[in-house]
């Protein structure tokens, strides 16, 4: 489920940022997480999982109980697409290509 730039910039768009990285997500039905980025020096330390858990919690707090979708697009050749998909699926997310 690829979204155009116009679709990504909706009033349902949300953004979370820390010194470790950032991520966007939409609360539309179904919720969609995209553009996850962790700064290179902080990769492999659990920061992506932490950000994703914050977003998942926010989505669940809004009352959404169904599947949450996520964009699988490795940044800066940091991880293979196959491994990234497995990582997201282990977190219970539905990977959109």
C-alpha atoms as a PDB file:
ATOM      1  CA  UNK A   1       0.000   0.000   0.000  1.00  0.00           C
ATOM      2  CA  UNK A   2       2.197   2.837  -1.251  1.00  0.00           C
ATOM      3  CA  UNK A   3       0.921   6.338  -0.608  1.00  0.00           C
ATOM      4  CA  UNK A   4       1.618   9.419  -2.670  1.00  0.00           C
ATOM      5  CA  UNK A   5       3.068  12.558  -1.085  1.00  0.00           C
ATOM      6  CA  UNK A   6      -0.387  14.147  -1.114  1.00  0.00           C
ATOM      7  CA  UNK A   7      -1.834  11.181   0.751  1.00  0.00           C
ATOM      8  CA  UNK A   8       0.997  11.216   3.291  1.00  0.00           C
ATOM      9  CA  UNK A   9       0.322  14.823   4.185  1.00  0.00           C
ATOM     10  CA  UNK A  10      -3.172  14.454   5.583  1.00  0.00           C
ATOM     11  CA  UNK A  11      -4.618  15.799   8.779  1.00  0.00           C
ATOM     12  CA  UNK A  12      -4.428  12.236  10.146  1.00  0.00           C
ATOM     13  CA  UNK A  13      -0.637  12.231   9.774  1.00  0.00           C
ATOM     14  CA  UNK A  14       1.400  11.976  12.970  1.00  0.00           C
ATOM     15  CA  UNK A  15       5.121  12.279  13.611  1.00  0.00           C
ATOM     16  CA  UNK A  16       7.342  11.112  16.443  1.00  0.00           C
ATOM     17  CA  UNK A  17      10.968  12.160  16.809  1.00  0.00           C
ATOM     18  CA  UNK A  18      13.732  11.522  19.320  1.00  0.00           C
ATOM     19  CA  UNK A  19      17.468  12.106  19.152  1.00  0.00           C
ATOM     20  CA  UNK A  20      17.707   8.534  17.841  1.00  0.00           C
ATOM     21  CA  UNK A  21      15.414   8.915  14.844  1.00  0.00           C
ATOM     22  CA  UNK A  22      11.856   9.537  13.698  1.00  0.00           C
ATOM     23  CA  UNK A  23       8.780   7.931  12.207  1.00  0.00           C
ATOM     24  CA  UNK A  24       5.470   8.947  10.641  1.00  0.00           C
ATOM     25  CA  UNK A  25       2.144   7.215  11.088  1.00  0.00           C
ATOM     26  CA  UNK A  26      -1.455   7.661  10.090  1.00  0.00           C
ATOM     27  CA  UNK A  27      -4.475   6.814  12.213  1.00  0.00           C
ATOM     28  CA  UNK A  28      -6.643   6.200   9.166  1.00  0.00           C
ATOM     29  CA  UNK A  29      -8.278   2.809   8.751  1.00  0.00           C
ATOM     30  CA  UNK A  30      -6.106   0.780   8.720  1.00  0.00           C
ATOM     31  CA  UNK A  31      -3.393   2.602  10.663  1.00  0.00           C
ATOM     32  CA  UNK A  32      -0.203   2.883   8.640  1.00  0.00           C
ATOM     33  CA  UNK A  33       3.383   3.393   9.876  1.00  0.00           C
ATOM     34  CA  UNK A  34       5.936   4.725   7.411  1.00  0.00           C
ATOM     35  CA  UNK A  35       9.278   6.489   6.919  1.00  0.00           C
ATOM     36  CA  UNK A  36      10.896   4.981  10.018  1.00  0.00           C
ATOM     37  CA  UNK A  37      14.464   6.265  10.245  1.00  0.00           C
ATOM     38  CA  UNK A  38      17.088   5.618  12.909  1.00  0.00           C
ATOM     39  CA  UNK A  39      20.319   7.627  12.739  1.00  0.00           C
ATOM     40  CA  UNK A  40      23.207   5.335  11.728  1.00  0.00           C
ATOM     41  CA  UNK A  41      25.130   5.634  15.009  1.00  0.00           C
ATOM     42  CA  UNK A  42      22.067   4.435  16.970  1.00  0.00           C
ATOM     43  CA  UNK A  43      21.122   1.454  14.794  1.00  0.00           C
ATOM     44  CA  UNK A  44      21.118  -2.025  16.290  1.00  0.00           C
ATOM     45  CA  UNK A  45      20.436  -0.690  19.801  1.00  0.00           C
ATOM     46  CA  UNK A  46      16.672  -1.223  19.997  1.00  0.00           C
ATOM     47  CA  UNK A  47      15.582   2.311  19.126  1.00  0.00           C
ATOM     48  CA  UNK A  48      13.430   1.310  16.154  1.00  0.00           C
ATOM     49  CA  UNK A  49      11.560  -1.199  18.310  1.00  0.00           C
ATOM     50  CA  UNK A  50      11.081   1.454  20.998  1.00  0.00           C
ATOM     51  CA  UNK A  51       9.676   3.985  18.492  1.00  0.00           C
ATOM     52  CA  UNK A  52       7.414   1.368  16.928  1.00  0.00           C
ATOM     53  CA  UNK A  53       6.106   0.294  20.335  1.00  0.00           C
ATOM     54  CA  UNK A  54       5.287   3.926  21.157  1.00  0.00           C
ATOM     55  CA  UNK A  55       3.331   4.250  17.916  1.00  0.00           C
ATOM     56  CA  UNK A  56       1.564   0.922  18.361  1.00  0.00           C
ATOM     57  CA  UNK A  57       0.570   1.969  21.880  1.00  0.00           C
ATOM     58  CA  UNK A  58      -0.766   5.309  20.580  1.00  0.00           C
ATOM     59  CA  UNK A  59      -2.820   3.533  17.904  1.00  0.00           C
ATOM     60  CA  UNK A  60      -4.220   1.042  20.428  1.00  0.00           C
ATOM     61  CA  UNK A  61      -5.026   3.875  22.848  1.00  0.00           C
ATOM     62  CA  UNK A  62      -7.234   5.377  20.133  1.00  0.00           C
ATOM     63  CA  UNK A  63      -9.264   2.163  20.265  1.00  0.00           C
ATOM     64  CA  UNK A  64      -8.025   0.461  17.120  1.00  0.00           C
ATOM     65  CA  UNK A  65      -7.794  -3.309  17.647  1.00  0.00           C
ATOM     66  CA  UNK A  66      -7.316  -4.581  14.073  1.00  0.00           C
ATOM     67  CA  UNK A  67      -4.094  -5.056  12.103  1.00  0.00           C
ATOM     68  CA  UNK A  68      -1.578  -2.217  11.914  1.00  0.00           C
ATOM     69  CA  UNK A  69       0.228  -1.833   8.585  1.00  0.00           C
ATOM     70  CA  UNK A  70       3.797  -0.686   8.027  1.00  0.00           C
ATOM     71  CA  UNK A  71       5.923   0.336   5.073  1.00  0.00           C
ATOM     72  CA  UNK A  72       9.011  -1.821   4.594  1.00  0.00           C
ATOM     73  CA  UNK A  73      11.664   0.365   3.017  1.00  0.00           C
ATOM     74  CA  UNK A  74      15.208  -0.032   4.360  1.00  0.00           C
ATOM     75  CA  UNK A  75      17.083   3.246   4.717  1.00  0.00           C
ATOM     76  CA  UNK A  76      20.731   3.674   3.700  1.00  0.00           C
ATOM     77  CA  UNK A  77      21.107  -0.073   3.009  1.00  0.00           C
ATOM     78  CA  UNK A  78      20.932  -0.592   6.779  1.00  0.00           C
ATOM     79  CA  UNK A  79      19.122  -3.963   6.608  1.00  0.00           C
ATOM     80  CA  UNK A  80      17.918  -6.237   3.852  1.00  0.00           C
ATOM     81  CA  UNK A  81      14.293  -5.974   2.803  1.00  0.00           C
ATOM     82  CA  UNK A  82      13.748  -9.627   3.714  1.00  0.00           C
ATOM     83  CA  UNK A  83      15.129  -9.143   7.239  1.00  0.00           C
ATOM     84  CA  UNK A  84      13.181  -5.912   7.695  1.00  0.00           C
ATOM     85  CA  UNK A  85       9.922  -7.632   6.759  1.00  0.00           C
ATOM     86  CA  UNK A  86      10.637 -10.455   9.219  1.00  0.00           C
ATOM     87  CA  UNK A  87      11.418  -7.927  11.965  1.00  0.00           C
ATOM     88  CA  UNK A  88       8.127  -6.083  11.435  1.00  0.00           C
ATOM     89  CA  UNK A  89       6.140  -9.307  11.213  1.00  0.00           C
ATOM     90  CA  UNK A  90       7.642 -10.507  14.524  1.00  0.00           C
ATOM     91  CA  UNK A  91       6.297  -7.288  16.033  1.00  0.00           C
ATOM     92  CA  UNK A  92       2.814  -8.231  14.812  1.00  0.00           C
ATOM     93  CA  UNK A  93       2.685  -5.670  12.019  1.00  0.00           C
ATOM     94  CA  UNK A  94       1.362  -6.236   8.495  1.00  0.00           C
ATOM     95  CA  UNK A  95       4.006  -5.331   5.911  1.00  0.00           C
ATOM     96  CA  UNK A  96       2.809  -3.380   2.880  1.00  0.00           C
ATOM     97  CA  UNK A  97       4.997  -3.348  -0.196  1.00  0.00           C
END
